[in-house]
């Protein structure tokens, strides 16, 4: 979660959801934003800190349970040429935003898994 918080917190100290690009809805008593770190590719054989998404609770649930691209996320991320990939969550078309570093790191994680197969 530290990696994701670093990637999606702006210079004003506001952290955003990668799906809605809005400030996360609330902070914990510790003062840190609450967000859900959701596995980018569900059921990956290996876990990498870079292969997670920082999502608000609503988009985390939609990503896990109403993600029309669930089976093609790996391909969408590895083929991404910009910082956003288009997906449908809960029947609504949206994009997932990645910082440049997170996108590069995610692609590296996914390609290392492919090379091991």
PDB file of N, CA and C in Angstrom:
ATOM      1  N   UNK A   1       0.814  -1.198   0.000  1.00  0.00           N
ATOM      2  CA  UNK A   1       0.000   0.000   0.000  1.00  0.00           C
ATOM      3  C   UNK A   1       0.860   1.266   0.000  1.00  0.00           C
ATOM      4  N   UNK A   2       2.066   1.164   0.559  1.00  0.00           N
ATOM      5  CA  UNK A   2       2.954   2.336   0.590  1.00  0.00           C
ATOM      6  C   UNK A   2       3.310   2.754  -0.835  1.00  0.00           C
ATOM      7  N   UNK A   3       3.641   1.774  -1.681  1.00  0.00           N
ATOM      8  CA  UNK A   3       3.977   2.054  -3.081  1.00  0.00           C
ATOM      9  C   UNK A   3       2.814   2.780  -3.762  1.00  0.00           C
ATOM     10  N   UNK A   4       1.601   2.252  -3.608  1.00  0.00           N
ATOM     11  CA  UNK A   4       0.432   2.851  -4.248  1.00  0.00           C
ATOM     12  C   UNK A   4       0.134   4.246  -3.699  1.00  0.00           C
ATOM     13  N   UNK A   5       0.254   4.410  -2.398  1.00  0.00           N
ATOM     14  CA  UNK A   5       0.023   5.728  -1.802  1.00  0.00           C
ATOM     15  C   UNK A   5       1.014   6.742  -2.364  1.00  0.00           C
ATOM     16  N   UNK A   6       2.263   6.330  -2.539  1.00  0.00           N
ATOM     17  CA  UNK A   6       3.265   7.226  -3.125  1.00  0.00           C
ATOM     18  C   UNK A   6       2.919   7.585  -4.572  1.00  0.00           C
ATOM     19  N   UNK A   7       2.423   6.620  -5.324  1.00  0.00           N
ATOM     20  CA  UNK A   7       2.125   6.836  -6.740  1.00  0.00           C
ATOM     21  C   UNK A   7       0.907   7.726  -6.963  1.00  0.00           C
ATOM     22  N   UNK A   8      -0.095   7.627  -6.090  1.00  0.00           N
ATOM     23  CA  UNK A   8      -1.375   8.286  -6.364  1.00  0.00           C
ATOM     24  C   UNK A   8      -1.728   9.397  -5.375  1.00  0.00           C
ATOM     25  N   UNK A   9      -0.726   9.909  -4.677  1.00  0.00           N
ATOM     26  CA  UNK A   9      -0.911  11.079  -3.820  1.00  0.00           C
ATOM     27  C   UNK A   9      -0.232  12.257  -4.507  1.00  0.00           C
ATOM     28  N   UNK A  10      -0.986  13.325  -4.719  1.00  0.00           N
ATOM     29  CA  UNK A  10      -0.429  14.474  -5.431  1.00  0.00           C
ATOM     30  C   UNK A  10       0.360  15.395  -4.497  1.00  0.00           C
ATOM     31  N   UNK A  11       0.887  16.457  -5.045  1.00  0.00           N
ATOM     32  CA  UNK A  11       1.732  17.375  -4.271  1.00  0.00           C
ATOM     33  C   UNK A  11       0.954  18.107  -3.172  1.00  0.00           C
ATOM     34  N   UNK A  12      -0.370  18.094  -3.252  1.00  0.00           N
ATOM     35  CA  UNK A  12      -1.205  18.696  -2.211  1.00  0.00           C
ATOM     36  C   UNK A  12      -1.586  17.685  -1.124  1.00  0.00           C
ATOM     37  N   UNK A  13      -1.057  16.461  -1.229  1.00  0.00           N
ATOM     38  CA  UNK A  13      -1.345  15.435  -0.230  1.00  0.00           C
ATOM     39  C   UNK A  13      -2.667  14.723  -0.422  1.00  0.00           C
ATOM     40  N   UNK A  14      -3.296  14.883  -1.594  1.00  0.00           N
ATOM     41  CA  UNK A  14      -4.570  14.228  -1.868  1.00  0.00           C
ATOM     42  C   UNK A  14      -4.326  12.972  -2.695  1.00  0.00           C
ATOM     43  N   UNK A  15      -4.909  11.869  -2.230  1.00  0.00           N
ATOM     44  CA  UNK A  15      -4.757  10.595  -2.938  1.00  0.00           C
ATOM     45  C   UNK A  15      -6.010  10.322  -3.751  1.00  0.00           C
ATOM     46  N   UNK A  16      -5.821   9.790  -4.965  1.00  0.00           N
ATOM     47  CA  UNK A  16      -6.943   9.523  -5.865  1.00  0.00           C
ATOM     48  C   UNK A  16      -7.130   8.034  -6.114  1.00  0.00           C
ATOM     49  N   UNK A  17      -8.339   7.700  -6.547  1.00  0.00           N
ATOM     50  CA  UNK A  17      -8.690   6.361  -7.020  1.00  0.00           C
ATOM     51  C   UNK A  17      -8.257   6.278  -8.484  1.00  0.00           C
ATOM     52  N   UNK A  18      -7.677   5.159  -8.888  1.00  0.00           N
ATOM     53  CA  UNK A  18      -7.230   5.004 -10.273  1.00  0.00           C
ATOM     54  C   UNK A  18      -8.388   4.899 -11.254  1.00  0.00           C
ATOM     55  N   UNK A  19      -9.581   4.562 -10.786  1.00  0.00           N
ATOM     56  CA  UNK A  19     -10.719   4.433 -11.693  1.00  0.00           C
ATOM     57  C   UNK A  19     -11.485   5.744 -11.847  1.00  0.00           C
ATOM     58  N   UNK A  20     -11.890   6.352 -10.744  1.00  0.00           N
ATOM     59  CA  UNK A  20     -12.690   7.583 -10.865  1.00  0.00           C
ATOM     60  C   UNK A  20     -11.823   8.841 -10.901  1.00  0.00           C
ATOM     61  N   UNK A  21     -10.551   8.698 -10.555  1.00  0.00           N
ATOM     62  CA  UNK A  21      -9.597   9.813 -10.536  1.00  0.00           C
ATOM     63  C   UNK A  21     -10.003  10.913  -9.562  1.00  0.00           C
ATOM     64  N   UNK A  22     -10.894  10.594  -8.643  1.00  0.00           N
ATOM     65  CA  UNK A  22     -11.354  11.523  -7.616  1.00  0.00           C
ATOM     66  C   UNK A  22     -10.590  11.257  -6.328  1.00  0.00           C
ATOM     67  N   UNK A  23     -10.572  12.256  -5.467  1.00  0.00           N
ATOM     68  CA  UNK A  23      -9.963  12.075  -4.157  1.00  0.00           C
ATOM     69  C   UNK A  23     -10.701  10.954  -3.430  1.00  0.00           C
ATOM     70  N   UNK A  24      -9.940  10.107  -2.739  1.00  0.00           N
ATOM     71  CA  UNK A  24     -10.551   9.016  -1.998  1.00  0.00           C
ATOM     72  C   UNK A  24     -11.530   9.575  -0.972  1.00  0.00           C
ATOM     73  N   UNK A  25     -12.625   8.847  -0.688  1.00  0.00           N
ATOM     74  CA  UNK A  25     -13.727   9.416   0.083  1.00  0.00           C
ATOM     75  C   UNK A  25     -13.465   9.695   1.562  1.00  0.00           C
ATOM     76  N   UNK A  26     -12.515   9.013   2.185  1.00  0.00           N
ATOM     77  CA  UNK A  26     -12.294   9.288   3.600  1.00  0.00           C
ATOM     78  C   UNK A  26     -10.908   8.849   4.054  1.00  0.00           C
ATOM     79  N   UNK A  27     -10.552   9.367   5.226  1.00  0.00           N
ATOM     80  CA  UNK A  27      -9.275   9.002   5.846  1.00  0.00           C
ATOM     81  C   UNK A  27      -9.544   8.208   7.119  1.00  0.00           C
ATOM     82  N   UNK A  28      -8.575   7.417   7.489  1.00  0.00           N
ATOM     83  CA  UNK A  28      -8.628   6.649   8.724  1.00  0.00           C
ATOM     84  C   UNK A  28      -8.253   7.548   9.902  1.00  0.00           C
ATOM     85  N   UNK A  29      -8.494   7.104  11.137  1.00  0.00           N
ATOM     86  CA  UNK A  29      -8.091   7.901  12.296  1.00  0.00           C
ATOM     87  C   UNK A  29      -6.596   8.246  12.301  1.00  0.00           C
ATOM     88  N   UNK A  30      -5.790   7.465  11.587  1.00  0.00           N
ATOM     89  CA  UNK A  30      -4.347   7.738  11.499  1.00  0.00           C
ATOM     90  C   UNK A  30      -4.038   8.929  10.597  1.00  0.00           C
ATOM     91  N   UNK A  31      -5.046   9.380   9.843  1.00  0.00           N
ATOM     92  CA  UNK A  31      -4.841  10.478   8.907  1.00  0.00           C
ATOM     93  C   UNK A  31      -4.513  10.008   7.501  1.00  0.00           C
ATOM     94  N   UNK A  32      -4.335   8.695   7.318  1.00  0.00           N
ATOM     95  CA  UNK A  32      -4.047   8.149   5.989  1.00  0.00           C
ATOM     96  C   UNK A  32      -5.353   7.813   5.286  1.00  0.00           C
ATOM     97  N   UNK A  33      -5.336   7.966   3.968  1.00  0.00           N
ATOM     98  CA  UNK A  33      -6.519   7.633   3.182  1.00  0.00           C
ATOM     99  C   UNK A  33      -6.804   6.142   3.254  1.00  0.00           C
ATOM    100  N   UNK A  34      -8.096   5.816   3.263  1.00  0.00           N
ATOM    101  CA  UNK A  34      -8.496   4.418   3.124  1.00  0.00           C
ATOM    102  C   UNK A  34      -8.657   4.155   1.638  1.00  0.00           C
ATOM    103  N   UNK A  35      -8.019   3.096   1.158  1.00  0.00           N
ATOM    104  CA  UNK A  35      -8.223   2.630  -0.211  1.00  0.00           C
ATOM    105  C   UNK A  35      -8.026   1.130  -0.220  1.00  0.00           C
ATOM    106  N   UNK A  36      -8.487   0.506  -1.261  1.00  0.00           N
ATOM    107  CA  UNK A  36      -8.321  -0.929  -1.385  1.00  0.00           C
ATOM    108  C   UNK A  36      -7.256  -1.207  -2.435  1.00  0.00           C
ATOM    109  N   UNK A  37      -6.282  -2.012  -2.047  1.00  0.00           N
ATOM    110  CA  UNK A  37      -5.231  -2.451  -2.962  1.00  0.00           C
ATOM    111  C   UNK A  37      -5.726  -3.735  -3.606  1.00  0.00           C
ATOM    112  N   UNK A  38      -6.099  -3.632  -4.873  1.00  0.00           N
ATOM    113  CA  UNK A  38      -6.715  -4.747  -5.590  1.00  0.00           C
ATOM    114  C   UNK A  38      -5.724  -5.300  -6.598  1.00  0.00           C
ATOM    115  N   UNK A  39      -5.621  -6.618  -6.629  1.00  0.00           N
ATOM    116  CA  UNK A  39      -4.712  -7.266  -7.575  1.00  0.00           C
ATOM    117  C   UNK A  39      -5.076  -6.892  -9.006  1.00  0.00           C
ATOM    118  N   UNK A  40      -4.095  -6.417  -9.748  1.00  0.00           N
ATOM    119  CA  UNK A  40      -4.297  -6.018 -11.139  1.00  0.00           C
ATOM    120  C   UNK A  40      -4.801  -7.190 -11.968  1.00  0.00           C
ATOM    121  N   UNK A  41      -4.100  -8.314 -11.884  1.00  0.00           N
ATOM    122  CA  UNK A  41      -4.507  -9.532 -12.586  1.00  0.00           C
ATOM    123  C   UNK A  41      -4.896 -10.549 -11.519  1.00  0.00           C
ATOM    124  N   UNK A  42      -6.194 -10.791 -11.389  1.00  0.00           N
ATOM    125  CA  UNK A  42      -6.639 -11.731 -10.363  1.00  0.00           C
ATOM    126  C   UNK A  42      -6.002 -13.109 -10.535  1.00  0.00           C
ATOM    127  N   UNK A  43      -5.709 -13.733  -9.423  1.00  0.00           N
ATOM    128  CA  UNK A  43      -5.156 -15.092  -9.403  1.00  0.00           C
ATOM    129  C   UNK A  43      -3.780 -15.203 -10.057  1.00  0.00           C
ATOM    130  N   UNK A  44      -2.993 -14.161  -9.989  1.00  0.00           N
ATOM    131  CA  UNK A  44      -1.625 -14.229 -10.511  1.00  0.00           C
ATOM    132  C   UNK A  44      -0.829 -15.244  -9.691  1.00  0.00           C
ATOM    133  N   UNK A  45       0.080 -15.953 -10.330  1.00  0.00           N
ATOM    134  CA  UNK A  45       0.873 -16.935  -9.581  1.00  0.00           C
ATOM    135  C   UNK A  45       1.848 -16.296  -8.595  1.00  0.00           C
ATOM    136  N   UNK A  46       2.264 -15.064  -8.855  1.00  0.00           N
ATOM    137  CA  UNK A  46       3.179 -14.350  -7.963  1.00  0.00           C
ATOM    138  C   UNK A  46       2.557 -13.026  -7.559  1.00  0.00           C
ATOM    139  N   UNK A  47       2.997 -12.520  -6.413  1.00  0.00           N
ATOM    140  CA  UNK A  47       2.502 -11.240  -5.915  1.00  0.00           C
ATOM    141  C   UNK A  47       3.625 -10.209  -5.971  1.00  0.00           C
ATOM    142  N   UNK A  48       3.358  -9.104  -6.635  1.00  0.00           N
ATOM    143  CA  UNK A  48       4.296  -7.984  -6.713  1.00  0.00           C
ATOM    144  C   UNK A  48       3.575  -6.751  -6.193  1.00  0.00           C
ATOM    145  N   UNK A  49       4.269  -5.927  -5.427  1.00  0.00           N
ATOM    146  CA  UNK A  49       3.623  -4.718  -4.893  1.00  0.00           C
ATOM    147  C   UNK A  49       3.181  -3.791  -6.015  1.00  0.00           C
ATOM    148  N   UNK A  50       3.850  -3.854  -7.146  1.00  0.00           N
ATOM    149  CA  UNK A  50       3.528  -2.986  -8.279  1.00  0.00           C
ATOM    150  C   UNK A  50       2.329  -3.497  -9.084  1.00  0.00           C
ATOM    151  N   UNK A  51       1.894  -4.707  -8.819  1.00  0.00           N
ATOM    152  CA  UNK A  51       0.813  -5.315  -9.601  1.00  0.00           C
ATOM    153  C   UNK A  51      -0.529  -5.226  -8.869  1.00  0.00           C
ATOM    154  N   UNK A  52      -0.734  -4.098  -8.203  1.00  0.00           N
ATOM    155  CA  UNK A  52      -1.990  -3.820  -7.516  1.00  0.00           C
ATOM    156  C   UNK A  52      -2.502  -2.459  -7.956  1.00  0.00           C
ATOM    157  N   UNK A  53      -3.776  -2.238  -7.761  1.00  0.00           N
ATOM    158  CA  UNK A  53      -4.405  -0.960  -8.070  1.00  0.00           C
ATOM    159  C   UNK A  53      -4.844  -0.285  -6.781  1.00  0.00           C
ATOM    160  N   UNK A  54      -4.847   1.031  -6.765  1.00  0.00           N
ATOM    161  CA  UNK A  54      -5.352   1.812  -5.636  1.00  0.00           C
ATOM    162  C   UNK A  54      -6.753   2.290  -6.009  1.00  0.00           C
ATOM    163  N   UNK A  55      -7.761   1.663  -5.393  1.00  0.00           N
ATOM    164  CA  UNK A  55      -9.139   1.957  -5.761  1.00  0.00           C
ATOM    165  C   UNK A  55      -9.976   2.347  -4.546  1.00  0.00           C
ATOM    166  N   UNK A  56     -10.951   3.225  -4.775  1.00  0.00           N
ATOM    167  CA  UNK A  56     -11.918   3.553  -3.732  1.00  0.00           C
ATOM    168  C   UNK A  56     -12.771   2.301  -3.503  1.00  0.00           C
ATOM    169  N   UNK A  57     -13.468   2.220  -2.380  1.00  0.00           N
ATOM    170  CA  UNK A  57     -14.253   1.004  -2.098  1.00  0.00           C
ATOM    171  C   UNK A  57     -15.237   0.617  -3.205  1.00  0.00           C
ATOM    172  N   UNK A  58     -15.925   1.583  -3.784  1.00  0.00           N
ATOM    173  CA  UNK A  58     -16.898   1.267  -4.841  1.00  0.00           C
ATOM    174  C   UNK A  58     -16.221   0.678  -6.073  1.00  0.00           C
ATOM    175  N   UNK A  59     -15.131   1.296  -6.509  1.00  0.00           N
ATOM    176  CA  UNK A  59     -14.465   0.789  -7.706  1.00  0.00           C
ATOM    177  C   UNK A  59     -13.712  -0.514  -7.432  1.00  0.00           C
ATOM    178  N   UNK A  60     -13.269  -0.707  -6.210  1.00  0.00           N
ATOM    179  CA  UNK A  60     -12.633  -1.980  -5.862  1.00  0.00           C
ATOM    180  C   UNK A  60     -13.641  -3.119  -6.019  1.00  0.00           C
ATOM    181  N   UNK A  61     -14.847  -2.921  -5.500  1.00  0.00           N
ATOM    182  CA  UNK A  61     -15.891  -3.946  -5.621  1.00  0.00           C
ATOM    183  C   UNK A  61     -16.253  -4.174  -7.088  1.00  0.00           C
ATOM    184  N   UNK A  62     -16.394  -3.092  -7.845  1.00  0.00           N
ATOM    185  CA  UNK A  62     -16.730  -3.225  -9.262  1.00  0.00           C
ATOM    186  C   UNK A  62     -15.619  -3.953 -10.019  1.00  0.00           C
ATOM    187  N   UNK A  63     -14.365  -3.642  -9.699  1.00  0.00           N
ATOM    188  CA  UNK A  63     -13.238  -4.290 -10.375  1.00  0.00           C
ATOM    189  C   UNK A  63     -13.234  -5.791 -10.079  1.00  0.00           C
ATOM    190  N   UNK A  64     -13.520  -6.140  -8.850  1.00  0.00           N
ATOM    191  CA  UNK A  64     -13.495  -7.550  -8.452  1.00  0.00           C
ATOM    192  C   UNK A  64     -14.701  -8.342  -8.946  1.00  0.00           C
ATOM    193  N   UNK A  65     -15.878  -7.713  -8.973  1.00  0.00           N
ATOM    194  CA  UNK A  65     -17.101  -8.474  -9.220  1.00  0.00           C
ATOM    195  C   UNK A  65     -17.886  -8.091 -10.464  1.00  0.00           C
ATOM    196  N   UNK A  66     -17.561  -6.984 -11.086  1.00  0.00           N
ATOM    197  CA  UNK A  66     -18.317  -6.552 -12.271  1.00  0.00           C
ATOM    198  C   UNK A  66     -17.372  -5.981 -13.323  1.00  0.00           C
ATOM    199  N   UNK A  67     -16.267  -6.666 -13.535  1.00  0.00           N
ATOM    200  CA  UNK A  67     -15.218  -6.225 -14.455  1.00  0.00           C
ATOM    201  C   UNK A  67     -15.336  -7.022 -15.753  1.00  0.00           C
ATOM    202  N   UNK A  68     -15.828  -6.372 -16.795  1.00  0.00           N
ATOM    203  CA  UNK A  68     -16.041  -7.060 -18.067  1.00  0.00           C
ATOM    204  C   UNK A  68     -14.738  -7.447 -18.767  1.00  0.00           C
ATOM    205  N   UNK A  69     -13.630  -6.838 -18.386  1.00  0.00           N
ATOM    206  CA  UNK A  69     -12.335  -7.153 -18.997  1.00  0.00           C
ATOM    207  C   UNK A  69     -11.467  -8.032 -18.087  1.00  0.00           C
ATOM    208  N   UNK A  70     -12.057  -8.636 -17.105  1.00  0.00           N
ATOM    209  CA  UNK A  70     -11.311  -9.425 -16.117  1.00  0.00           C
ATOM    210  C   UNK A  70     -10.311 -10.395 -16.771  1.00  0.00           C
ATOM    211  N   UNK A  71     -10.733 -11.060 -17.810  1.00  0.00           N
ATOM    212  CA  UNK A  71      -9.860 -12.063 -18.431  1.00  0.00           C
ATOM    213  C   UNK A  71      -8.839 -11.456 -19.397  1.00  0.00           C
ATOM    214  N   UNK A  72      -8.954 -10.176 -19.713  1.00  0.00           N
ATOM    215  CA  UNK A  72      -8.021  -9.572 -20.672  1.00  0.00           C
ATOM    216  C   UNK A  72      -7.193  -8.430 -20.082  1.00  0.00           C
ATOM    217  N   UNK A  73      -7.223  -8.264 -18.773  1.00  0.00           N
ATOM    218  CA  UNK A  73      -6.477  -7.166 -18.139  1.00  0.00           C
ATOM    219  C   UNK A  73      -4.989  -7.252 -18.454  1.00  0.00           C
ATOM    220  N   UNK A  74      -4.426  -8.445 -18.365  1.00  0.00           N
ATOM    221  CA  UNK A  74      -2.989  -8.620 -18.643  1.00  0.00           C
ATOM    222  C   UNK A  74      -2.645  -8.051 -20.017  1.00  0.00           C
ATOM    223  N   UNK A  75      -3.425  -8.398 -21.023  1.00  0.00           N
ATOM    224  CA  UNK A  75      -3.171  -7.935 -22.383  1.00  0.00           C
ATOM    225  C   UNK A  75      -3.379  -6.420 -22.516  1.00  0.00           C
ATOM    226  N   UNK A  76      -4.409  -5.906 -21.861  1.00  0.00           N
ATOM    227  CA  UNK A  76      -4.675  -4.464 -21.928  1.00  0.00           C
ATOM    228  C   UNK A  76      -3.529  -3.655 -21.330  1.00  0.00           C
ATOM    229  N   UNK A  77      -2.996  -4.124 -20.203  1.00  0.00           N
ATOM    230  CA  UNK A  77      -1.908  -3.394 -19.551  1.00  0.00           C
ATOM    231  C   UNK A  77      -0.628  -3.505 -20.366  1.00  0.00           C
ATOM    232  N   UNK A  78      -0.281  -4.691 -20.808  1.00  0.00           N
ATOM    233  CA  UNK A  78       0.974  -4.851 -21.545  1.00  0.00           C
ATOM    234  C   UNK A  78       0.949  -4.111 -22.885  1.00  0.00           C
ATOM    235  N   UNK A  79      -0.242  -3.928 -23.458  1.00  0.00           N
ATOM    236  CA  UNK A  79      -0.349  -3.224 -24.745  1.00  0.00           C
ATOM    237  C   UNK A  79      -0.565  -1.712 -24.578  1.00  0.00           C
ATOM    238  N   UNK A  80      -0.749  -1.246 -23.359  1.00  0.00           N
ATOM    239  CA  UNK A  80      -1.062   0.169 -23.126  1.00  0.00           C
ATOM    240  C   UNK A  80       0.051   1.074 -23.649  1.00  0.00           C
ATOM    241  N   UNK A  81      -0.353   2.082 -24.408  1.00  0.00           N
ATOM    242  CA  UNK A  81       0.594   3.057 -24.936  1.00  0.00           C
ATOM    243  C   UNK A  81       0.437   4.411 -24.258  1.00  0.00           C
ATOM    244  N   UNK A  82      -0.627   4.554 -23.481  1.00  0.00           N
ATOM    245  CA  UNK A  82      -0.818   5.791 -22.715  1.00  0.00           C
ATOM    246  C   UNK A  82      -1.002   5.410 -21.250  1.00  0.00           C
ATOM    247  N   UNK A  83      -1.231   6.399 -20.404  1.00  0.00           N
ATOM    248  CA  UNK A  83      -1.356   6.143 -18.968  1.00  0.00           C
ATOM    249  C   UNK A  83      -2.750   5.686 -18.560  1.00  0.00           C
ATOM    250  N   UNK A  84      -3.626   5.441 -19.510  1.00  0.00           N
ATOM    251  CA  UNK A  84      -4.971   4.984 -19.174  1.00  0.00           C
ATOM    252  C   UNK A  84      -5.358   3.800 -20.051  1.00  0.00           C
ATOM    253  N   UNK A  85      -6.056   2.845 -19.414  1.00  0.00           N
ATOM    254  CA  UNK A  85      -6.619   1.740 -20.186  1.00  0.00           C
ATOM    255  C   UNK A  85      -8.129   1.766 -19.990  1.00  0.00           C
ATOM    256  N   UNK A  86      -8.834   1.490 -21.057  1.00  0.00           N
ATOM    257  CA  UNK A  86     -10.290   1.538 -21.028  1.00  0.00           C
ATOM    258  C   UNK A  86     -10.851   0.196 -20.575  1.00  0.00           C
ATOM    259  N   UNK A  87     -11.757   0.245 -19.607  1.00  0.00           N
ATOM    260  CA  UNK A  87     -12.431  -0.960 -19.141  1.00  0.00           C
ATOM    261  C   UNK A  87     -13.878  -0.623 -18.795  1.00  0.00           C
ATOM    262  N   UNK A  88     -14.696  -1.648 -18.633  1.00  0.00           N
ATOM    263  CA  UNK A  88     -16.086  -1.465 -18.209  1.00  0.00           C
ATOM    264  C   UNK A  88     -16.244  -2.087 -16.828  1.00  0.00           C
ATOM    265  N   UNK A  89     -16.659  -1.264 -15.883  1.00  0.00           N
ATOM    266  CA  UNK A  89     -16.899  -1.721 -14.515  1.00  0.00           C
ATOM    267  C   UNK A  89     -18.370  -1.519 -14.184  1.00  0.00           C
ATOM    268  N   UNK A  90     -19.031  -2.597 -13.828  1.00  0.00           N
ATOM    269  CA  UNK A  90     -20.452  -2.488 -13.498  1.00  0.00           C
ATOM    270  C   UNK A  90     -21.282  -1.974 -14.652  1.00  0.00           C
ATOM    271  N   UNK A  91     -20.882  -2.293 -15.865  1.00  0.00           N
ATOM    272  CA  UNK A  91     -21.619  -1.859 -17.044  1.00  0.00           C
ATOM    273  C   UNK A  91     -21.325  -0.435 -17.491  1.00  0.00           C
ATOM    274  N   UNK A  92     -20.422   0.264 -16.790  1.00  0.00           N
ATOM    275  CA  UNK A  92     -20.068   1.630 -17.165  1.00  0.00           C
ATOM    276  C   UNK A  92     -18.651   1.681 -17.700  1.00  0.00           C
ATOM    277  N   UNK A  93     -18.505   2.300 -18.855  1.00  0.00           N
ATOM    278  CA  UNK A  93     -17.187   2.446 -19.463  1.00  0.00           C
ATOM    279  C   UNK A  93     -16.388   3.491 -18.689  1.00  0.00           C
ATOM    280  N   UNK A  94     -15.155   3.154 -18.341  1.00  0.00           N
ATOM    281  CA  UNK A  94     -14.274   4.068 -17.626  1.00  0.00           C
ATOM    282  C   UNK A  94     -12.839   3.770 -18.031  1.00  0.00           C
ATOM    283  N   UNK A  95     -11.908   4.453 -17.427  1.00  0.00           N
ATOM    284  CA  UNK A  95     -10.502   4.160 -17.664  1.00  0.00           C
ATOM    285  C   UNK A  95      -9.809   3.968 -16.329  1.00  0.00           C
ATOM    286  N   UNK A  96      -8.756   3.186 -16.340  1.00  0.00           N
ATOM    287  CA  UNK A  96      -7.871   3.066 -15.190  1.00  0.00           C
ATOM    288  C   UNK A  96      -6.660   3.926 -15.475  1.00  0.00           C
ATOM    289  N   UNK A  97      -6.371   4.838 -14.575  1.00  0.00           N
ATOM    290  CA  UNK A  97      -5.229   5.730 -14.719  1.00  0.00           C
ATOM    291  C   UNK A  97      -4.013   5.116 -14.027  1.00  0.00           C
ATOM    292  N   UNK A  98      -2.861   5.178 -14.683  1.00  0.00           N
ATOM    293  CA  UNK A  98      -1.594   4.724 -14.123  1.00  0.00           C
ATOM    294  C   UNK A  98      -0.588   5.870 -14.179  1.00  0.00           C
ATOM    295  N   UNK A  99       0.191   6.040 -13.112  1.00  0.00           N
ATOM    296  CA  UNK A  99       1.333   6.939 -13.235  1.00  0.00           C
ATOM    297  C   UNK A  99       2.293   6.257 -14.203  1.00  0.00           C
ATOM    298  N   UNK A 100       3.175   7.016 -14.801  1.00  0.00           N
ATOM    299  CA  UNK A 100       4.132   6.428 -15.747  1.00  0.00           C
ATOM    300  C   UNK A 100       4.949   5.335 -15.067  1.00  0.00           C
ATOM    301  N   UNK A 101       5.413   5.598 -13.844  1.00  0.00           N
ATOM    302  CA  UNK A 101       6.221   4.608 -13.138  1.00  0.00           C
ATOM    303  C   UNK A 101       5.421   3.349 -12.829  1.00  0.00           C
ATOM    304  N   UNK A 102       4.184   3.504 -12.385  1.00  0.00           N
ATOM    305  CA  UNK A 102       3.365   2.336 -12.050  1.00  0.00           C
ATOM    306  C   UNK A 102       3.075   1.499 -13.297  1.00  0.00           C
ATOM    307  N   UNK A 103       2.831   2.151 -14.419  1.00  0.00           N
ATOM    308  CA  UNK A 103       2.574   1.414 -15.653  1.00  0.00           C
ATOM    309  C   UNK A 103       3.805   0.620 -16.073  1.00  0.00           C
ATOM    310  N   UNK A 104       4.966   1.257 -16.044  1.00  0.00           N
ATOM    311  CA  UNK A 104       6.210   0.566 -16.411  1.00  0.00           C
ATOM    312  C   UNK A 104       6.466  -0.606 -15.460  1.00  0.00           C
ATOM    313  N   UNK A 105       6.293  -0.371 -14.168  1.00  0.00           N
ATOM    314  CA  UNK A 105       6.502  -1.427 -13.182  1.00  0.00           C
ATOM    315  C   UNK A 105       5.512  -2.578 -13.367  1.00  0.00           C
ATOM    316  N   UNK A 106       4.256  -2.248 -13.619  1.00  0.00           N
ATOM    317  CA  UNK A 106       3.229  -3.281 -13.823  1.00  0.00           C
ATOM    318  C   UNK A 106       3.539  -4.122 -15.055  1.00  0.00           C
ATOM    319  N   UNK A 107       3.929  -3.455 -16.131  1.00  0.00           N
ATOM    320  CA  UNK A 107       4.290  -4.190 -17.346  1.00  0.00           C
ATOM    321  C   UNK A 107       5.469  -5.126 -17.083  1.00  0.00           C
ATOM    322  N   UNK A 108       6.455  -4.664 -16.324  1.00  0.00           N
ATOM    323  CA  UNK A 108       7.624  -5.496 -16.012  1.00  0.00           C
ATOM    324  C   UNK A 108       7.212  -6.717 -15.200  1.00  0.00           C
ATOM    325  N   UNK A 109       6.336  -6.536 -14.241  1.00  0.00           N
ATOM    326  CA  UNK A 109       5.853  -7.662 -13.431  1.00  0.00           C
ATOM    327  C   UNK A 109       5.116  -8.679 -14.298  1.00  0.00           C
ATOM    328  N   UNK A 110       4.239  -8.197 -15.147  1.00  0.00           N
ATOM    329  CA  UNK A 110       3.458  -9.087 -15.995  1.00  0.00           C
ATOM    330  C   UNK A 110       4.341  -9.812 -17.000  1.00  0.00           C
ATOM    331  N   UNK A 111       5.335  -9.129 -17.557  1.00  0.00           N
ATOM    332  CA  UNK A 111       6.214  -9.791 -18.527  1.00  0.00           C
ATOM    333  C   UNK A 111       7.120 -10.800 -17.847  1.00  0.00           C
ATOM    334  N   UNK A 112       7.505 -10.564 -16.605  1.00  0.00           N
ATOM    335  CA  UNK A 112       8.345 -11.549 -15.898  1.00  0.00           C
ATOM    336  C   UNK A 112       7.540 -12.813 -15.608  1.00  0.00           C
ATOM    337  N   UNK A 113       6.258 -12.677 -15.366  1.00  0.00           N
ATOM    338  CA  UNK A 113       5.413 -13.859 -15.163  1.00  0.00           C
ATOM    339  C   UNK A 113       5.285 -14.660 -16.447  1.00  0.00           C
ATOM    340  N   UNK A 114       5.143 -13.953 -17.570  1.00  0.00           N
ATOM    341  CA  UNK A 114       5.023 -14.646 -18.865  1.00  0.00           C
ATOM    342  C   UNK A 114       6.289 -15.404 -19.204  1.00  0.00           C
ATOM    343  N   UNK A 115       7.453 -14.826 -18.876  1.00  0.00           N
ATOM    344  CA  UNK A 115       8.734 -15.484 -19.197  1.00  0.00           C
ATOM    345  C   UNK A 115       8.930 -16.744 -18.357  1.00  0.00           C
ATOM    346  N   UNK A 116       8.319 -16.781 -17.177  1.00  0.00           N
ATOM    347  CA  UNK A 116       8.463 -17.953 -16.312  1.00  0.00           C
ATOM    348  C   UNK A 116       7.543 -19.091 -16.710  1.00  0.00           C
ATOM    349  N   UNK A 117       6.521 -18.799 -17.513  1.00  0.00           N
ATOM    350  CA  UNK A 117       5.551 -19.836 -17.907  1.00  0.00           C
ATOM    351  C   UNK A 117       6.110 -20.762 -18.955  1.00  0.00           C
TER     352      UNK A 117
END
